[in-house]
Amino acid sequence: MIHKNKIIEPDIIKYPIITDKTTKNIENNSYCFKVAKKSNKNQIKTIIEEIFNVKVQKINTLNMPNKVKTIGKFKGKITQYKKAIIQLHKEYTIKLFED
């Protein structure tokens, strides 16, 4: 996919993050997605608008830190990822769940 002389990969958006907090934020028209680490806000905005046919109002991105997980006597790390919090205009919604 080409947008203004830049190549935008369609696999920038990995999957939606679904937790108790994010499902409450869906009522406020705010959605969370796991995205590629090297993506920027402009790439995320164009992909979201093309895939879901919506208008994005605001995007916040953050790099989630590594977490240490202990199972019994073994310790391991949960890998670091980038999270995008996307605020849509009021008249648009994204349907993540089937009725």
PDB file of N, CA and C in Angstrom:
ATOM      1  N   MET A   1       0.838  -1.165   0.000  1.00  0.00           N
ATOM      2  CA  MET A   1       0.000   0.000   0.000  1.00  0.00           C
ATOM      3  C   MET A   1       0.894   1.243   0.000  1.00  0.00           C
ATOM      4  N   ILE A   2       0.606   2.205  -0.875  1.00  0.00           N
ATOM      5  CA  ILE A   2       1.422   3.414  -0.985  1.00  0.00           C
ATOM      6  C   ILE A   2       0.568   4.612  -0.599  1.00  0.00           C
ATOM      7  N   HIS A   3       1.121   5.477   0.250  1.00  0.00           N
ATOM      8  CA  HIS A   3       0.403   6.664   0.701  1.00  0.00           C
ATOM      9  C   HIS A   3       1.381   7.827   0.712  1.00  0.00           C
ATOM     10  N   LYS A   4       1.181   8.781  -0.202  1.00  0.00           N
ATOM     11  CA  LYS A   4       2.028   9.977  -0.313  1.00  0.00           C
ATOM     12  C   LYS A   4       3.514   9.610  -0.425  1.00  0.00           C
ATOM     13  N   ASN A   5       3.838   8.751  -1.373  1.00  0.00           N
ATOM     14  CA  ASN A   5       5.196   8.321  -1.670  1.00  0.00           C
ATOM     15  C   ASN A   5       5.850   7.536  -0.537  1.00  0.00           C
ATOM     16  N   LYS A   6       5.074   7.032   0.388  1.00  0.00           N
ATOM     17  CA  LYS A   6       5.604   6.189   1.456  1.00  0.00           C
ATOM     18  C   LYS A   6       4.913   4.838   1.392  1.00  0.00           C
ATOM     19  N   ILE A   7       5.665   3.800   1.647  1.00  0.00           N
ATOM     20  CA  ILE A   7       5.092   2.455   1.658  1.00  0.00           C
ATOM     21  C   ILE A   7       4.610   2.164   3.069  1.00  0.00           C
ATOM     22  N   ILE A   8       3.331   1.810   3.202  1.00  0.00           N
ATOM     23  CA  ILE A   8       2.746   1.503   4.502  1.00  0.00           C
ATOM     24  C   ILE A   8       2.382   0.029   4.517  1.00  0.00           C
ATOM     25  N   GLU A   9       2.894  -0.690   5.487  1.00  0.00           N
ATOM     26  CA  GLU A   9       2.627  -2.115   5.579  1.00  0.00           C
ATOM     27  C   GLU A   9       1.266  -2.355   6.229  1.00  0.00           C
ATOM     28  N   PRO A  10       0.493  -3.284   5.706  1.00  0.00           N
ATOM     29  CA  PRO A  10      -0.808  -3.566   6.320  1.00  0.00           C
ATOM     30  C   PRO A  10      -0.705  -4.317   7.645  1.00  0.00           C
ATOM     31  N   ASP A  11       0.460  -4.869   7.970  1.00  0.00           N
ATOM     32  CA  ASP A  11       0.587  -5.628   9.221  1.00  0.00           C
ATOM     33  C   ASP A  11       1.127  -4.768  10.364  1.00  0.00           C
ATOM     34  N   ILE A  12       0.913  -3.455  10.301  1.00  0.00           N
ATOM     35  CA  ILE A  12       1.296  -2.568  11.398  1.00  0.00           C
ATOM     36  C   ILE A  12       0.424  -2.850  12.615  1.00  0.00           C
ATOM     37  N   ILE A  13      -0.876  -3.062  12.397  1.00  0.00           N
ATOM     38  CA  ILE A  13      -1.811  -3.357  13.480  1.00  0.00           C
ATOM     39  C   ILE A  13      -1.781  -4.860  13.723  1.00  0.00           C
ATOM     40  N   LYS A  14      -1.391  -5.267  14.936  1.00  0.00           N
ATOM     41  CA  LYS A  14      -1.319  -6.700  15.259  1.00  0.00           C
ATOM     42  C   LYS A  14      -2.689  -7.235  15.676  1.00  0.00           C
ATOM     43  N   TYR A  15      -3.224  -6.731  16.785  1.00  0.00           N
ATOM     44  CA  TYR A  15      -4.536  -7.163  17.275  1.00  0.00           C
ATOM     45  C   TYR A  15      -5.024  -6.180  18.326  1.00  0.00           C
ATOM     46  N   PRO A  16      -6.346  -6.166  18.598  1.00  0.00           N
ATOM     47  CA  PRO A  16      -6.860  -5.286  19.662  1.00  0.00           C
ATOM     48  C   PRO A  16      -6.531  -5.846  21.035  1.00  0.00           C
ATOM     49  N   ILE A  17      -6.280  -4.959  21.980  1.00  0.00           N
ATOM     50  CA  ILE A  17      -6.019  -5.351  23.366  1.00  0.00           C
ATOM     51  C   ILE A  17      -7.356  -5.297  24.097  1.00  0.00           C
ATOM     52  N   ILE A  18      -7.784  -6.439  24.612  1.00  0.00           N
ATOM     53  CA  ILE A  18      -9.091  -6.522  25.262  1.00  0.00           C
ATOM     54  C   ILE A  18      -8.897  -6.890  26.726  1.00  0.00           C
ATOM     55  N   THR A  19      -9.134  -5.909  27.597  1.00  0.00           N
ATOM     56  CA  THR A  19      -9.099  -6.099  29.042  1.00  0.00           C
ATOM     57  C   THR A  19     -10.341  -5.424  29.620  1.00  0.00           C
ATOM     58  N   ASP A  20     -10.507  -5.509  30.927  1.00  0.00           N
ATOM     59  CA  ASP A  20     -11.641  -4.842  31.564  1.00  0.00           C
ATOM     60  C   ASP A  20     -11.602  -3.335  31.326  1.00  0.00           C
ATOM     61  N   LYS A  21     -10.415  -2.759  31.468  1.00  0.00           N
ATOM     62  CA  LYS A  21     -10.276  -1.313  31.319  1.00  0.00           C
ATOM     63  C   LYS A  21     -10.538  -0.863  29.878  1.00  0.00           C
ATOM     64  N   THR A  22     -10.037  -1.619  28.906  1.00  0.00           N
ATOM     65  CA  THR A  22     -10.233  -1.207  27.516  1.00  0.00           C
ATOM     66  C   THR A  22     -11.680  -1.389  27.068  1.00  0.00           C
ATOM     67  N   THR A  23     -12.379  -2.393  27.593  1.00  0.00           N
ATOM     68  CA  THR A  23     -13.785  -2.542  27.221  1.00  0.00           C
ATOM     69  C   THR A  23     -14.638  -1.420  27.808  1.00  0.00           C
ATOM     70  N   LYS A  24     -14.247  -0.881  28.960  1.00  0.00           N
ATOM     71  CA  LYS A  24     -14.942   0.294  29.504  1.00  0.00           C
ATOM     72  C   LYS A  24     -14.668   1.527  28.650  1.00  0.00           C
ATOM     73  N   ASN A  25     -13.456   1.621  28.097  1.00  0.00           N
ATOM     74  CA  ASN A  25     -13.103   2.772  27.264  1.00  0.00           C
ATOM     75  C   ASN A  25     -13.775   2.746  25.900  1.00  0.00           C
ATOM     76  N   ILE A  26     -14.277   1.579  25.478  1.00  0.00           N
ATOM     77  CA  ILE A  26     -14.987   1.502  24.200  1.00  0.00           C
ATOM     78  C   ILE A  26     -16.239   2.364  24.241  1.00  0.00           C
ATOM     79  N   GLU A  27     -16.853   2.496  25.420  1.00  0.00           N
ATOM     80  CA  GLU A  27     -18.023   3.361  25.567  1.00  0.00           C
ATOM     81  C   GLU A  27     -17.680   4.824  25.293  1.00  0.00           C
ATOM     82  N   ASN A  28     -16.424   5.207  25.544  1.00  0.00           N
ATOM     83  CA  ASN A  28     -15.961   6.575  25.289  1.00  0.00           C
ATOM     84  C   ASN A  28     -15.350   6.717  23.892  1.00  0.00           C
ATOM     85  N   ASN A  29     -15.547   5.690  23.049  1.00  0.00           N
ATOM     86  CA  ASN A  29     -15.027   5.676  21.680  1.00  0.00           C
ATOM     87  C   ASN A  29     -13.498   5.666  21.635  1.00  0.00           C
ATOM     88  N   SER A  30     -12.879   4.962  22.571  1.00  0.00           N
ATOM     89  CA  SER A  30     -11.431   4.836  22.628  1.00  0.00           C
ATOM     90  C   SER A  30     -11.063   3.353  22.537  1.00  0.00           C
ATOM     91  N   TYR A  31     -10.140   3.016  21.639  1.00  0.00           N
ATOM     92  CA  TYR A  31      -9.771   1.625  21.373  1.00  0.00           C
ATOM     93  C   TYR A  31      -8.271   1.448  21.535  1.00  0.00           C
ATOM     94  N   CYS A  32      -7.835   0.265  22.009  1.00  0.00           N
ATOM     95  CA  CYS A  32      -6.415  -0.041  22.197  1.00  0.00           C
ATOM     96  C   CYS A  32      -6.007  -1.162  21.248  1.00  0.00           C
ATOM     97  N   PHE A  33      -4.864  -0.984  20.599  1.00  0.00           N
ATOM     98  CA  PHE A  33      -4.329  -1.985  19.684  1.00  0.00           C
ATOM     99  C   PHE A  33      -2.851  -2.205  19.961  1.00  0.00           C
ATOM    100  N   LYS A  34      -2.403  -3.444  19.773  1.00  0.00           N
ATOM    101  CA  LYS A  34      -0.973  -3.726  19.771  1.00  0.00           C
ATOM    102  C   LYS A  34      -0.495  -3.460  18.353  1.00  0.00           C
ATOM    103  N   VAL A  35       0.578  -2.678  18.226  1.00  0.00           N
ATOM    104  CA  VAL A  35       1.069  -2.276  16.906  1.00  0.00           C
ATOM    105  C   VAL A  35       2.547  -2.624  16.782  1.00  0.00           C
ATOM    106  N   ALA A  36       3.067  -2.522  15.576  1.00  0.00           N
ATOM    107  CA  ALA A  36       4.482  -2.788  15.321  1.00  0.00           C
ATOM    108  C   ALA A  36       5.336  -1.746  16.023  1.00  0.00           C
ATOM    109  N   LYS A  37       6.492  -2.166  16.522  1.00  0.00           N
ATOM    110  CA  LYS A  37       7.341  -1.276  17.319  1.00  0.00           C
ATOM    111  C   LYS A  37       7.888  -0.102  16.518  1.00  0.00           C
ATOM    112  N   LYS A  38       8.120  -0.282  15.219  1.00  0.00           N
ATOM    113  CA  LYS A  38       8.723   0.785  14.417  1.00  0.00           C
ATOM    114  C   LYS A  38       7.693   1.683  13.738  1.00  0.00           C
ATOM    115  N   SER A  39       6.410   1.480  14.037  1.00  0.00           N
ATOM    116  CA  SER A  39       5.373   2.289  13.400  1.00  0.00           C
ATOM    117  C   SER A  39       5.255   3.643  14.100  1.00  0.00           C
ATOM    118  N   ASN A  40       4.769   4.635  13.358  1.00  0.00           N
ATOM    119  CA  ASN A  40       4.540   5.947  13.949  1.00  0.00           C
ATOM    120  C   ASN A  40       3.053   6.281  13.897  1.00  0.00           C
ATOM    121  N   LYS A  41       2.678   7.414  14.463  1.00  0.00           N
ATOM    122  CA  LYS A  41       1.262   7.773  14.586  1.00  0.00           C
ATOM    123  C   LYS A  41       0.589   7.981  13.228  1.00  0.00           C
ATOM    124  N   ASN A  42       1.307   8.560  12.273  1.00  0.00           N
ATOM    125  CA  ASN A  42       0.713   8.793  10.959  1.00  0.00           C
ATOM    126  C   ASN A  42       0.400   7.482  10.251  1.00  0.00           C
ATOM    127  N   GLN A  43       1.312   6.509  10.338  1.00  0.00           N
ATOM    128  CA  GLN A  43       1.072   5.204   9.729  1.00  0.00           C
ATOM    129  C   GLN A  43      -0.106   4.502  10.385  1.00  0.00           C
ATOM    130  N   ILE A  44      -0.165   4.557  11.722  1.00  0.00           N
ATOM    131  CA  ILE A  44      -1.254   3.913  12.453  1.00  0.00           C
ATOM    132  C   ILE A  44      -2.586   4.551  12.068  1.00  0.00           C
ATOM    133  N   LYS A  45      -2.616   5.870  11.975  1.00  0.00           N
ATOM    134  CA  LYS A  45      -3.849   6.584  11.637  1.00  0.00           C
ATOM    135  C   LYS A  45      -4.355   6.188  10.252  1.00  0.00           C
ATOM    136  N   THR A  46      -3.484   6.170   9.247  1.00  0.00           N
ATOM    137  CA  THR A  46      -3.929   5.847   7.894  1.00  0.00           C
ATOM    138  C   THR A  46      -4.413   4.400   7.795  1.00  0.00           C
ATOM    139  N   ILE A  47      -3.742   3.479   8.463  1.00  0.00           N
ATOM    140  CA  ILE A  47      -4.154   2.072   8.416  1.00  0.00           C
ATOM    141  C   ILE A  47      -5.504   1.882   9.103  1.00  0.00           C
ATOM    142  N   ILE A  48      -5.698   2.486  10.282  1.00  0.00           N
ATOM    143  CA  ILE A  48      -6.971   2.362  11.006  1.00  0.00           C
ATOM    144  C   ILE A  48      -8.105   2.948  10.175  1.00  0.00           C
ATOM    145  N   GLU A  49      -7.877   4.102   9.558  1.00  0.00           N
ATOM    146  CA  GLU A  49      -8.924   4.736   8.765  1.00  0.00           C
ATOM    147  C   GLU A  49      -9.271   3.917   7.526  1.00  0.00           C
ATOM    148  N   GLU A  50      -8.285   3.234   6.937  1.00  0.00           N
ATOM    149  CA  GLU A  50      -8.561   2.428   5.745  1.00  0.00           C
ATOM    150  C   GLU A  50      -9.208   1.099   6.091  1.00  0.00           C
ATOM    151  N   ILE A  51      -8.750   0.440   7.146  1.00  0.00           N
ATOM    152  CA  ILE A  51      -9.285  -0.879   7.494  1.00  0.00           C
ATOM    153  C   ILE A  51     -10.714  -0.780   8.007  1.00  0.00           C
ATOM    154  N   PHE A  52     -10.967   0.124   8.955  1.00  0.00           N
ATOM    155  CA  PHE A  52     -12.262   0.180   9.628  1.00  0.00           C
ATOM    156  C   PHE A  52     -13.201   1.250   9.067  1.00  0.00           C
ATOM    157  N   ASN A  53     -12.732   2.055   8.096  1.00  0.00           N
ATOM    158  CA  ASN A  53     -13.542   3.097   7.464  1.00  0.00           C
ATOM    159  C   ASN A  53     -14.104   4.077   8.505  1.00  0.00           C
ATOM    160  N   VAL A  54     -13.206   4.636   9.333  1.00  0.00           N
ATOM    161  CA  VAL A  54     -13.561   5.585  10.383  1.00  0.00           C
ATOM    162  C   VAL A  54     -12.657   6.807  10.290  1.00  0.00           C
ATOM    163  N   LYS A  55     -12.935   7.832  11.095  1.00  0.00           N
ATOM    164  CA  LYS A  55     -12.084   9.019  11.198  1.00  0.00           C
ATOM    165  C   LYS A  55     -11.464   9.055  12.595  1.00  0.00           C
ATOM    166  N   VAL A  56     -10.148   9.134  12.655  1.00  0.00           N
ATOM    167  CA  VAL A  56      -9.414   9.145  13.918  1.00  0.00           C
ATOM    168  C   VAL A  56      -9.267  10.577  14.400  1.00  0.00           C
ATOM    169  N   GLN A  57      -9.585  10.806  15.662  1.00  0.00           N
ATOM    170  CA  GLN A  57      -9.449  12.138  16.249  1.00  0.00           C
ATOM    171  C   GLN A  57      -8.075  12.302  16.890  1.00  0.00           C
ATOM    172  N   LYS A  58      -7.642  11.290  17.664  1.00  0.00           N
ATOM    173  CA  LYS A  58      -6.394  11.415  18.415  1.00  0.00           C
ATOM    174  C   LYS A  58      -5.775  10.034  18.596  1.00  0.00           C
ATOM    175  N   ILE A  59      -4.435   9.980  18.621  1.00  0.00           N
ATOM    176  CA  ILE A  59      -3.720   8.735  18.863  1.00  0.00           C
ATOM    177  C   ILE A  59      -2.656   8.977  19.921  1.00  0.00           C
ATOM    178  N   ASN A  60      -2.621   8.108  20.926  1.00  0.00           N
ATOM    179  CA  ASN A  60      -1.537   8.087  21.899  1.00  0.00           C
ATOM    180  C   ASN A  60      -0.822   6.752  21.756  1.00  0.00           C
ATOM    181  N   THR A  61       0.513   6.781  21.728  1.00  0.00           N
ATOM    182  CA  THR A  61       1.275   5.544  21.651  1.00  0.00           C
ATOM    183  C   THR A  61       2.212   5.465  22.848  1.00  0.00           C
ATOM    184  N   LEU A  62       2.461   4.243  23.289  1.00  0.00           N
ATOM    185  CA  LEU A  62       3.421   4.050  24.362  1.00  0.00           C
ATOM    186  C   LEU A  62       4.083   2.697  24.220  1.00  0.00           C
ATOM    187  N   ASN A  63       5.354   2.645  24.588  1.00  0.00           N
ATOM    188  CA  ASN A  63       6.103   1.399  24.591  1.00  0.00           C
ATOM    189  C   ASN A  63       5.967   0.772  25.962  1.00  0.00           C
ATOM    190  N   MET A  64       5.345  -0.402  26.002  1.00  0.00           N
ATOM    191  CA  MET A  64       5.135  -1.099  27.266  1.00  0.00           C
ATOM    192  C   MET A  64       6.468  -1.704  27.723  1.00  0.00           C
ATOM    193  N   PRO A  65       6.787  -1.613  29.025  1.00  0.00           N
ATOM    194  CA  PRO A  65       8.061  -2.137  29.508  1.00  0.00           C
ATOM    195  C   PRO A  65       8.041  -3.659  29.622  1.00  0.00           C
ATOM    196  N   ASN A  66       9.257  -4.240  29.728  1.00  0.00           N
ATOM    197  CA  ASN A  66       9.362  -5.675  29.988  1.00  0.00           C
ATOM    198  C   ASN A  66       8.804  -5.981  31.361  1.00  0.00           C
ATOM    199  N   LYS A  67       8.170  -7.144  31.504  1.00  0.00           N
ATOM    200  CA  LYS A  67       7.677  -7.579  32.800  1.00  0.00           C
ATOM    201  C   LYS A  67       8.329  -8.897  33.154  1.00  0.00           C
ATOM    202  N   VAL A  68       8.699  -9.043  34.419  1.00  0.00           N
ATOM    203  CA  VAL A  68       9.271 -10.291  34.899  1.00  0.00           C
ATOM    204  C   VAL A  68       8.130 -11.153  35.438  1.00  0.00           C
ATOM    205  N   LYS A  69       8.034 -12.370  34.946  1.00  0.00           N
ATOM    206  CA  LYS A  69       6.974 -13.294  35.340  1.00  0.00           C
ATOM    207  C   LYS A  69       7.637 -14.482  36.048  1.00  0.00           C
ATOM    208  N   THR A  70       7.096 -14.869  37.198  1.00  0.00           N
ATOM    209  CA  THR A  70       7.622 -15.989  37.948  1.00  0.00           C
ATOM    210  C   THR A  70       6.603 -17.126  37.961  1.00  0.00           C
ATOM    211  N   ILE A  71       7.033 -18.297  37.527  1.00  0.00           N
ATOM    212  CA  ILE A  71       6.205 -19.501  37.581  1.00  0.00           C
ATOM    213  C   ILE A  71       7.002 -20.541  38.356  1.00  0.00           C
ATOM    214  N   GLY A  72       6.588 -20.770  39.602  1.00  0.00           N
ATOM    215  CA  GLY A  72       7.345 -21.678  40.463  1.00  0.00           C
ATOM    216  C   GLY A  72       8.691 -21.076  40.776  1.00  0.00           C
ATOM    217  N   LYS A  73       9.752 -21.815  40.481  1.00  0.00           N
ATOM    218  CA  LYS A  73      11.098 -21.294  40.731  1.00  0.00           C
ATOM    219  C   LYS A  73      11.731 -20.678  39.480  1.00  0.00           C
ATOM    220  N   PHE A  74      11.003 -20.663  38.379  1.00  0.00           N
ATOM    221  CA  PHE A  74      11.534 -20.142  37.130  1.00  0.00           C
ATOM    222  C   PHE A  74      11.083 -18.704  36.908  1.00  0.00           C
ATOM    223  N   LYS A  75      12.011 -17.884  36.414  1.00  0.00           N
ATOM    224  CA  LYS A  75      11.702 -16.497  36.085  1.00  0.00           C
ATOM    225  C   LYS A  75      11.906 -16.297  34.597  1.00  0.00           C
ATOM    226  N   GLY A  76      11.023 -15.508  34.008  1.00  0.00           N
ATOM    227  CA  GLY A  76      11.136 -15.181  32.595  1.00  0.00           C
ATOM    228  C   GLY A  76      10.607 -13.784  32.354  1.00  0.00           C
ATOM    229  N   LYS A  77      10.808 -13.293  31.142  1.00  0.00           N
ATOM    230  CA  LYS A  77      10.352 -11.951  30.804  1.00  0.00           C
ATOM    231  C   LYS A  77       9.267 -12.023  29.749  1.00  0.00           C
ATOM    232  N   ILE A  78       8.251 -11.160  29.901  1.00  0.00           N
ATOM    233  CA  ILE A  78       7.241 -10.968  28.874  1.00  0.00           C
ATOM    234  C   ILE A  78       7.784  -9.893  27.939  1.00  0.00           C
ATOM    235  N   THR A  79       7.738 -10.154  26.659  1.00  0.00           N
ATOM    236  CA  THR A  79       8.375  -9.254  25.707  1.00  0.00           C
ATOM    237  C   THR A  79       7.715  -7.888  25.675  1.00  0.00           C
ATOM    238  N   GLN A  80       8.519  -6.921  25.317  1.00  0.00           N
ATOM    239  CA  GLN A  80       8.069  -5.532  25.237  1.00  0.00           C
ATOM    240  C   GLN A  80       7.295  -5.330  23.941  1.00  0.00           C
ATOM    241  N   TYR A  81       6.265  -4.490  23.974  1.00  0.00           N
ATOM    242  CA  TYR A  81       5.485  -4.203  22.780  1.00  0.00           C
ATOM    243  C   TYR A  81       5.030  -2.750  22.796  1.00  0.00           C
ATOM    244  N   LYS A  82       4.500  -2.296  21.673  1.00  0.00           N
ATOM    245  CA  LYS A  82       4.010  -0.929  21.543  1.00  0.00           C
ATOM    246  C   LYS A  82       2.489  -0.950  21.508  1.00  0.00           C
ATOM    247  N   LYS A  83       1.871  -0.044  22.278  1.00  0.00           N
ATOM    248  CA  LYS A  83       0.421   0.020  22.379  1.00  0.00           C
ATOM    249  C   LYS A  83      -0.048   1.364  21.834  1.00  0.00           C
ATOM    250  N   ALA A  84      -1.129   1.328  21.052  1.00  0.00           N
ATOM    251  CA  ALA A  84      -1.722   2.547  20.512  1.00  0.00           C
ATOM    252  C   ALA A  84      -3.131   2.690  21.063  1.00  0.00           C
ATOM    253  N   ILE A  85      -3.418   3.849  21.658  1.00  0.00           N
ATOM    254  CA  ILE A  85      -4.756   4.166  22.147  1.00  0.00           C
ATOM    255  C   ILE A  85      -5.357   5.149  21.152  1.00  0.00           C
ATOM    256  N   ILE A  86      -6.442   4.729  20.508  1.00  0.00           N
ATOM    257  CA  ILE A  86      -7.014   5.483  19.401  1.00  0.00           C
ATOM    258  C   ILE A  86      -8.362   6.046  19.802  1.00  0.00           C
ATOM    259  N   GLN A  87      -8.500   7.370  19.700  1.00  0.00           N
ATOM    260  CA  GLN A  87      -9.759   8.059  19.992  1.00  0.00           C
ATOM    261  C   GLN A  87     -10.408   8.414  18.656  1.00  0.00           C
ATOM    262  N   LEU A  88     -11.651   7.961  18.459  1.00  0.00           N
ATOM    263  CA  LEU A  88     -12.370   8.235  17.225  1.00  0.00           C
ATOM    264  C   LEU A  88     -13.303   9.428  17.399  1.00  0.00           C
ATOM    265  N   HIS A  89     -13.722  10.004  16.265  1.00  0.00           N
ATOM    266  CA  HIS A  89     -14.762  11.033  16.310  1.00  0.00           C
ATOM    267  C   HIS A  89     -16.056  10.403  16.796  1.00  0.00           C
ATOM    268  N   LYS A  90     -16.968  11.215  17.328  1.00  0.00           N
ATOM    269  CA  LYS A  90     -18.176  10.709  17.998  1.00  0.00           C
ATOM    270  C   LYS A  90     -19.085   9.892  17.095  1.00  0.00           C
ATOM    271  N   GLU A  91     -19.153  10.221  15.815  1.00  0.00           N
ATOM    272  CA  GLU A  91     -20.104   9.526  14.939  1.00  0.00           C
ATOM    273  C   GLU A  91     -19.588   8.178  14.421  1.00  0.00           C
ATOM    274  N   TYR A  92     -18.352   7.798  14.748  1.00  0.00           N
ATOM    275  CA  TYR A  92     -17.766   6.552  14.259  1.00  0.00           C
ATOM    276  C   TYR A  92     -17.558   5.556  15.396  1.00  0.00           C
ATOM    277  N   THR A  93     -17.661   4.262  15.067  1.00  0.00           N
ATOM    278  CA  THR A  93     -17.353   3.190  16.013  1.00  0.00           C
ATOM    279  C   THR A  93     -16.666   2.054  15.271  1.00  0.00           C
ATOM    280  N   ILE A  94     -15.942   1.237  16.021  1.00  0.00           N
ATOM    281  CA  ILE A  94     -15.332   0.023  15.494  1.00  0.00           C
ATOM    282  C   ILE A  94     -16.027  -1.150  16.177  1.00  0.00           C
ATOM    283  N   LYS A  95     -16.486  -2.096  15.374  1.00  0.00           N
ATOM    284  CA  LYS A  95     -17.197  -3.251  15.935  1.00  0.00           C
ATOM    285  C   LYS A  95     -16.181  -4.375  16.165  1.00  0.00           C
ATOM    286  N   LEU A  96     -15.759  -4.548  17.437  1.00  0.00           N
ATOM    287  CA  LEU A  96     -14.795  -5.584  17.774  1.00  0.00           C
ATOM    288  C   LEU A  96     -15.464  -6.899  18.152  1.00  0.00           C
ATOM    289  N   PHE A  97     -16.674  -6.837  18.683  1.00  0.00           N
ATOM    290  CA  PHE A  97     -17.362  -8.025  19.159  1.00  0.00           C
ATOM    291  C   PHE A  97     -18.574  -8.314  18.284  1.00  0.00           C
ATOM    292  N   GLU A  98     -18.826  -9.585  18.052  1.00  0.00           N
ATOM    293  CA  GLU A  98     -20.044  -9.981  17.334  1.00  0.00           C
ATOM    294  C   GLU A  98     -21.212  -9.983  18.308  1.00  0.00           C
ATOM    295  N   ASP A  99     -22.394  -9.661  17.839  1.00  0.00           N
ATOM    296  CA  ASP A  99     -23.572  -9.626  18.710  1.00  0.00           C
ATOM    297  C   ASP A  99     -24.075 -11.011  19.059  1.00  0.00           C
TER     298      ASP A  99
END
